[in-house]
Amino acid sequence: MKNKRELPLDALRGIAALSVLFYHYTTRYNEFFGSVSIVNIVLGWLGVPFFFILSGYVIHLTVDKCGTSSEFLKRRFVRLFPTYWLCLLCSLIFYFIYTPFDMFQFFNLGWQDVLVNLTMVAEWLKFNNVDGAYWSLLPELVFYFIFAIIIFLEKIESFERYFIIIFSMVFIDAIFSVPLFRWGVSSRYILLFMMGISFYRIKNKKIKPLLGYSIILTSFPLSCYMYSLVTTTPIKIIAFIWVLIILLFTLYINGYIEFLGRSRVLVWLGSVSYALYLLHQNIGYGVIFYFDKEFGMRDLGICFALIFTLFLAYLITKYLEPFVARPLKRIVLRKG
């Protein structure tokens, strides 16, 4: 059972997932299909950097339950991959039965891409992702491996020293553009994870607040710059969004947004947000395109896409993922 104090984070996770979903269903859909919508959620992508900071925060919860780096990686595996594989399968089935256009051809997918996507590192291996939303999984995996190394070295309580090393790598990459750092430590995004770790350590009194907030504020300008390299959004807007996210987490760790955890709808959205994020983009595009071209009802298509992907996300999270993950956990997490 979830600790009650985590419920506001579930609610925030649900809000972030919806922001990304509506960004894709409005602004990004328009770019792909040359369409126009009544409403454009231009800044909905901010849900992704929020997820990165949140991942840094919650990963410490897993670390505190793990004795070794191998156990940490095993727990991450059984948490991420069963849902990912099920969502991948759902997307492929949808692509096969969808008739308005060839989704495999439109998204430039071959059987090699499909097979490599099973690993979750298709982009790293120079293959196309089955769904565009999968790109953010690679920085997550890189972060987990970095954290596993820190656990292996038994230096988790010396996190601040490792922050200096990682910050230095990102700084060097910002000046000289070093591919090894860009892929090896995911330099475009890693400082966002570091911010999340700092928030966790502040809240749980594992670090003095002054030092924790110093790490966050030190990361702020460089993380803004690095993120600006992968988006067309002006850096001033990125900085403004970063300020809002930092303020939001500051409010959370000081207990000022506990009321969000009392919203059953938002907490439920948070509980299905991982599957929803993996499913929503291309399946949603297909549903919206059908309503747009067949009936000229683009906005109704958005509603149906939302309902359909929420249903699939609930089905996978509630029923299919436990069915797949249960035996996998027994095998992977088996002691001795």
Protein backbone atom coordinates (compact mmCIF):
# COMPACT_ATOMS: atom_id res chain seq x y z
CA MET A 1 0.00 0.00 0.00
CA LYS A 2 1.25 3.47 -0.77
CA ASN A 3 2.28 5.69 2.03
CA LYS A 4 -0.33 8.42 2.41
CA ARG A 5 2.22 11.20 2.00
CA GLU A 6 2.96 9.93 -1.51
CA LEU A 7 -0.59 10.52 -2.73
CA PRO A 8 0.03 14.18 -3.69
CA LEU A 9 2.87 12.95 -5.90
CA ASP A 10 0.48 10.49 -7.55
CA ALA A 11 -1.88 13.38 -8.19
CA LEU A 12 0.92 15.51 -9.67
CA ARG A 13 1.99 12.56 -11.80
CA GLY A 14 -1.55 12.33 -13.16
CA ILE A 15 -1.62 16.04 -13.98
CA ALA A 16 1.75 15.81 -15.72
CA ALA A 17 0.60 12.83 -17.80
CA LEU A 18 -2.50 14.72 -18.94
CA SER A 19 -0.44 17.77 -19.86
CA VAL A 20 1.79 15.68 -22.13
CA LEU A 21 -1.23 13.88 -23.59
CA PHE A 22 -3.06 17.08 -24.53
CA TYR A 23 0.15 18.60 -25.90
CA HIS A 24 0.45 15.65 -28.27
CA TYR A 25 -3.26 15.65 -29.16
CA THR A 26 -3.25 19.36 -30.03
CA THR A 27 0.08 21.01 -30.85
CA ARG A 28 2.04 17.94 -31.97
CA TYR A 29 -0.89 16.45 -33.90
CA ASN A 30 -1.22 19.72 -35.81
CA GLU A 31 2.46 19.55 -36.74
CA PHE A 32 2.23 15.94 -37.92
CA PHE A 33 -1.01 16.16 -39.88
CA GLY A 34 -1.26 19.83 -40.84
CA SER A 35 -4.42 20.26 -38.82
CA VAL A 36 -5.86 23.05 -36.68
CA SER A 37 -7.48 22.71 -33.26
CA ILE A 38 -9.55 25.10 -31.17
CA VAL A 39 -7.17 24.77 -28.24
CA ASN A 40 -3.39 24.29 -28.32
CA ILE A 41 -1.58 23.08 -25.20
CA VAL A 42 1.75 24.48 -26.39
CA LEU A 43 3.60 23.99 -23.12
CA GLY A 44 2.14 20.60 -22.27
CA TRP A 45 5.55 19.02 -22.86
CA LEU A 46 6.62 20.39 -19.45
CA GLY A 47 5.18 17.20 -18.01
CA VAL A 48 8.28 15.33 -19.21
CA PRO A 49 10.91 17.33 -17.26
CA PHE A 50 8.54 17.11 -14.30
CA PHE A 51 8.60 13.31 -14.67
CA PHE A 52 12.41 13.36 -14.71
CA ILE A 53 12.57 15.33 -11.45
CA LEU A 54 9.88 13.09 -9.97
CA SER A 55 11.86 9.99 -10.99
CA GLY A 56 14.89 11.33 -9.15
CA TYR A 57 12.72 11.85 -6.09
CA VAL A 58 10.93 8.50 -6.00
CA ILE A 59 13.95 6.42 -6.98
CA HIS A 60 15.32 6.99 -3.50
CA LEU A 61 12.27 5.16 -2.16
CA THR A 62 13.41 2.09 -4.06
CA VAL A 63 17.02 2.58 -3.01
CA ASP A 64 16.02 2.66 0.65
CA LYS A 65 14.45 -0.79 0.19
CA CYS A 66 17.41 -2.32 -1.64
CA GLY A 67 20.55 -3.76 -0.17
CA THR A 68 22.56 -4.08 -3.37
CA SER A 69 22.84 -2.50 -6.80
CA SER A 70 21.72 -5.74 -8.45
CA GLU A 71 18.56 -5.81 -6.35
CA PHE A 72 17.92 -2.18 -7.27
CA LEU A 73 18.21 -2.92 -11.01
CA LYS A 74 16.05 -6.03 -10.69
CA ARG A 75 13.32 -4.04 -8.96
CA ARG A 76 13.47 -1.40 -11.67
CA PHE A 77 13.28 -4.11 -14.34
CA VAL A 78 10.14 -5.77 -12.95
CA ARG A 79 8.57 -2.35 -12.40
CA LEU A 80 9.20 -0.96 -15.89
CA PHE A 81 9.40 -3.73 -18.46
CA PRO A 82 6.15 -5.72 -18.02
CA THR A 83 4.01 -2.60 -18.50
CA TYR A 84 6.28 -1.42 -21.30
CA TRP A 85 6.03 -4.74 -23.19
CA LEU A 86 2.24 -4.81 -22.81
CA CYS A 87 1.90 -1.23 -24.07
CA LEU A 88 4.23 -2.03 -26.97
CA LEU A 89 2.05 -5.03 -27.86
CA CYS A 90 -1.13 -2.93 -27.68
CA SER A 91 0.38 -0.30 -29.97
CA LEU A 92 1.47 -2.93 -32.51
CA ILE A 93 -1.98 -4.56 -32.53
CA PHE A 94 -3.54 -1.15 -33.09
CA TYR A 95 -1.14 -0.44 -35.97
CA PHE A 96 -2.05 -3.77 -37.62
CA ILE A 97 -5.83 -3.31 -37.45
CA TYR A 98 -5.89 0.43 -38.20
CA THR A 99 -7.09 1.09 -41.78
CA PRO A 100 -7.22 4.89 -42.51
CA PHE A 101 -3.48 4.82 -43.26
CA ASP A 102 -0.48 2.53 -42.85
CA MET A 103 0.89 3.47 -39.43
CA PHE A 104 3.99 1.33 -39.86
CA GLN A 105 4.88 3.20 -43.02
CA PHE A 106 3.89 6.61 -41.65
CA PHE A 107 6.13 6.20 -38.59
CA ASN A 108 8.85 4.50 -40.65
CA LEU A 109 8.80 1.22 -38.73
CA GLY A 110 10.17 -2.12 -39.88
CA TRP A 111 10.34 -5.48 -38.16
CA GLN A 112 13.89 -4.69 -36.98
CA ASP A 113 12.61 -1.59 -35.19
CA VAL A 114 9.88 -3.61 -33.50
CA LEU A 115 12.30 -6.26 -32.23
CA VAL A 116 14.86 -3.74 -30.96
CA ASN A 117 12.08 -1.82 -29.17
CA LEU A 118 11.75 -4.78 -26.81
CA THR A 119 15.00 -3.63 -25.20
CA MET A 120 13.75 -0.08 -24.48
CA VAL A 121 16.98 1.34 -25.96
CA ALA A 122 16.05 1.49 -29.65
CA GLU A 123 17.16 5.10 -30.03
CA TRP A 124 20.55 4.28 -28.53
CA LEU A 125 20.96 1.52 -31.13
CA LYS A 126 19.91 3.88 -33.97
CA PHE A 127 16.46 2.33 -34.54
CA ASN A 128 13.09 4.07 -34.59
CA ASN A 129 10.83 3.98 -31.55
CA VAL A 130 7.47 2.27 -32.07
CA ASP A 131 5.90 5.24 -30.29
CA GLY A 132 7.44 8.69 -30.10
CA ALA A 133 6.82 8.87 -26.36
CA TYR A 134 9.39 6.13 -25.79
CA TRP A 135 12.30 8.57 -26.20
CA SER A 136 12.15 9.58 -22.53
CA LEU A 137 12.72 6.00 -21.33
CA LEU A 138 16.37 6.05 -22.37
CA PRO A 139 17.40 8.91 -20.03
CA GLU A 140 15.54 7.06 -17.26
CA LEU A 141 17.54 3.88 -17.87
CA VAL A 142 20.84 5.77 -17.97
CA PHE A 143 19.96 7.42 -14.66
CA TYR A 144 19.13 4.05 -13.08
CA PHE A 145 22.48 2.59 -14.11
CA ILE A 146 24.33 5.62 -12.74
CA PHE A 147 22.46 5.25 -9.47
CA ALA A 148 23.21 1.51 -9.40
CA ILE A 149 26.92 2.31 -9.67
CA ILE A 150 26.65 4.70 -6.73
CA ILE A 151 24.88 1.99 -4.70
CA PHE A 152 27.53 -0.56 -5.70
CA LEU A 153 30.23 1.78 -4.43
CA GLU A 154 28.22 2.13 -1.19
CA LYS A 155 28.40 5.90 -1.55
CA ILE A 156 24.71 6.82 -1.60
CA GLU A 157 25.24 8.99 1.48
CA SER A 158 28.01 10.77 -0.43
CA PHE A 159 25.58 11.75 -3.17
CA GLU A 160 26.75 15.37 -3.04
CA ARG A 161 30.27 14.38 -4.14
CA TYR A 162 28.91 12.46 -7.10
CA PHE A 163 26.77 15.44 -8.00
CA ILE A 164 29.96 17.47 -8.45
CA ILE A 165 31.34 14.82 -10.82
CA ILE A 166 28.12 14.61 -12.85
CA PHE A 167 27.70 18.39 -12.93
CA SER A 168 31.26 18.71 -14.23
CA MET A 169 30.55 16.23 -17.04
CA VAL A 170 27.42 18.13 -18.05
CA PHE A 171 29.31 21.44 -17.94
CA ILE A 172 32.07 20.05 -20.17
CA ASP A 173 29.50 18.70 -22.62
CA ALA A 174 27.77 22.09 -22.70
CA ILE A 175 31.03 23.74 -23.78
CA PHE A 176 32.69 21.11 -25.96
CA SER A 177 29.77 18.83 -26.99
CA VAL A 178 31.15 15.46 -25.87
CA PRO A 179 29.08 12.54 -27.31
CA LEU A 180 30.34 10.18 -24.58
CA PHE A 181 28.82 12.40 -21.87
CA ARG A 182 25.68 13.04 -23.89
CA TRP A 183 24.87 9.33 -24.10
CA GLY A 184 26.88 7.95 -21.19
CA VAL A 185 25.34 10.17 -18.51
CA SER A 186 22.39 11.55 -20.52
CA SER A 187 23.79 15.04 -20.02
CA ARG A 188 20.74 16.79 -21.47
CA TYR A 189 18.53 15.56 -18.64
CA ILE A 190 20.59 14.12 -15.77
CA LEU A 191 20.57 17.31 -13.69
CA LEU A 192 16.77 17.14 -13.51
CA PHE A 193 17.08 13.73 -11.85
CA MET A 194 19.66 15.21 -9.48
CA MET A 195 17.20 17.91 -8.47
CA GLY A 196 14.65 15.24 -7.62
CA ILE A 197 17.15 13.34 -5.48
CA SER A 198 17.96 16.56 -3.64
CA PHE A 199 14.28 17.22 -2.90
CA TYR A 200 13.93 13.70 -1.50
CA ARG A 201 17.01 14.04 0.67
CA ILE A 202 15.85 17.41 1.99
CA LYS A 203 12.40 16.08 2.87
CA ASN A 204 13.76 12.97 4.57
CA LYS A 205 16.50 14.84 6.42
CA LYS A 206 19.34 13.03 4.66
CA ILE A 207 20.93 16.36 3.75
CA LYS A 208 20.91 19.85 5.23
CA PRO A 209 18.32 22.03 3.45
CA LEU A 210 20.91 24.70 2.63
CA LEU A 211 23.12 22.18 0.82
CA GLY A 212 20.16 20.53 -0.88
CA TYR A 213 18.74 23.77 -2.23
CA SER A 214 22.24 24.84 -3.26
CA ILE A 215 22.47 21.73 -5.46
CA ILE A 216 19.03 22.49 -6.95
CA LEU A 217 19.85 26.14 -7.65
CA THR A 218 23.27 25.22 -9.05
CA SER A 219 21.63 22.74 -11.40
CA PHE A 220 18.95 25.20 -12.48
CA PRO A 221 20.74 27.35 -15.12
CA LEU A 222 22.77 24.52 -16.67
CA SER A 223 19.77 22.17 -16.84
CA CYS A 224 17.77 24.94 -18.57
CA TYR A 225 20.50 25.40 -21.13
CA MET A 226 20.93 21.67 -21.79
CA TYR A 227 17.19 21.18 -22.24
CA SER A 228 17.05 24.13 -24.64
CA LEU A 229 19.34 22.12 -26.95
CA VAL A 230 16.59 19.54 -27.56
CA THR A 231 13.60 21.85 -27.98
CA THR A 232 12.64 24.96 -29.93
CA THR A 233 11.14 26.56 -26.84
CA PRO A 234 13.04 29.75 -25.87
CA ILE A 235 15.30 29.31 -22.87
CA LYS A 236 13.49 32.10 -20.99
CA ILE A 237 10.29 30.07 -21.09
CA ILE A 238 12.16 26.91 -20.06
CA ALA A 239 13.63 28.80 -17.09
CA PHE A 240 10.17 30.06 -16.11
CA ILE A 241 8.77 26.51 -16.25
CA TRP A 242 11.72 25.19 -14.22
CA VAL A 243 10.98 27.82 -11.54
CA LEU A 244 7.35 26.67 -11.37
CA ILE A 245 8.35 23.00 -11.06
CA ILE A 246 10.93 23.78 -8.36
CA LEU A 247 8.35 25.82 -6.44
CA LEU A 248 5.86 22.95 -6.76
CA PHE A 249 8.29 20.42 -5.31
CA THR A 250 9.29 22.88 -2.58
CA LEU A 251 5.63 23.21 -1.62
CA TYR A 252 5.27 19.44 -1.61
CA ILE A 253 8.23 18.62 0.62
CA ASN A 254 7.02 21.25 3.07
CA GLY A 255 3.52 19.77 3.20
CA TYR A 256 1.58 22.53 1.45
CA ILE A 257 -0.14 20.54 -1.31
CA GLU A 258 -1.34 17.52 0.65
CA PHE A 259 -4.89 18.40 -0.47
CA LEU A 260 -4.07 17.08 -3.95
CA GLY A 261 -3.78 13.62 -2.47
CA ARG A 262 -7.46 13.78 -1.51
CA SER A 263 -8.55 13.90 -5.16
CA ARG A 264 -9.44 10.34 -6.12
CA VAL A 265 -9.51 11.25 -9.80
CA LEU A 266 -6.00 12.73 -9.82
CA VAL A 267 -4.57 9.91 -7.69
CA TRP A 268 -6.18 7.36 -10.02
CA LEU A 269 -4.70 9.15 -13.03
CA GLY A 270 -1.32 8.99 -11.32
CA SER A 271 -1.70 5.24 -10.78
CA VAL A 272 -2.22 4.60 -14.52
CA SER A 273 0.10 7.38 -15.75
CA TYR A 274 3.00 5.13 -16.78
CA ALA A 275 0.85 2.99 -19.07
CA LEU A 276 -1.06 6.05 -20.26
CA TYR A 277 2.15 7.81 -21.21
CA LEU A 278 3.39 4.80 -23.19
CA LEU A 279 0.08 4.26 -24.99
CA HIS A 280 -1.36 7.66 -25.68
CA GLN A 281 0.65 9.22 -28.50
CA ASN A 282 0.39 7.23 -31.75
CA ILE A 283 -2.80 5.38 -30.80
CA GLY A 284 -4.32 8.76 -29.99
CA TYR A 285 -3.15 10.17 -33.30
CA GLY A 286 -4.90 7.33 -35.11
CA VAL A 287 -8.20 7.84 -33.27
CA ILE A 288 -8.14 11.62 -33.78
CA PHE A 289 -7.23 11.26 -37.46
CA TYR A 290 -10.18 8.93 -38.03
CA PHE A 291 -12.70 11.32 -36.48
CA ASP A 292 -11.08 14.30 -38.20
CA LYS A 293 -11.09 12.87 -41.73
CA GLU A 294 -14.25 10.76 -41.62
CA PHE A 295 -16.56 13.11 -39.75
CA GLY A 296 -14.74 16.44 -39.56
CA MET A 297 -14.94 16.20 -35.75
CA ARG A 298 -11.36 16.63 -34.62
CA ASP A 299 -12.19 17.73 -31.06
CA LEU A 300 -14.59 14.83 -30.53
CA GLY A 301 -11.73 12.61 -31.69
CA ILE A 302 -9.56 14.00 -28.89
CA CYS A 303 -12.24 13.02 -26.37
CA PHE A 304 -12.48 9.49 -27.76
CA ALA A 305 -8.69 9.16 -27.89
CA LEU A 306 -8.49 10.18 -24.23
CA ILE A 307 -11.21 7.73 -23.17
CA PHE A 308 -9.76 4.89 -25.24
CA THR A 309 -6.17 5.29 -24.03
CA LEU A 310 -7.31 5.73 -20.42
CA PHE A 311 -9.28 2.49 -20.72
CA LEU A 312 -6.28 0.63 -22.14
CA ALA A 313 -3.99 2.10 -19.47
CA TYR A 314 -6.39 1.00 -16.72
CA LEU A 315 -6.76 -2.48 -18.24
CA ILE A 316 -3.00 -2.95 -18.40
CA THR A 317 -2.26 -1.46 -14.96
CA LYS A 318 -5.07 -3.19 -13.09
CA TYR A 319 -5.20 -6.62 -14.73
CA LEU A 320 -2.57 -7.42 -17.36
CA GLU A 321 0.57 -6.03 -15.71
CA PRO A 322 0.04 -7.91 -12.41
CA PHE A 323 -0.62 -11.11 -14.39
CA VAL A 324 2.68 -10.74 -16.27
CA ALA A 325 4.76 -9.20 -13.50
CA ARG A 326 3.88 -11.65 -10.73
CA PRO A 327 5.73 -14.69 -12.13
CA LEU A 328 8.49 -12.43 -13.43
CA LYS A 329 9.03 -11.06 -9.92
CA ARG A 330 9.27 -14.56 -8.48
CA ILE A 331 12.00 -15.40 -10.99
CA VAL A 332 13.95 -12.13 -11.04
CA LEU A 333 13.72 -11.27 -7.34
CA ARG A 334 14.28 -14.81 -6.15
CA LYS A 335 16.74 -14.90 -3.25
CA GLY A 336 19.81 -17.09 -3.44
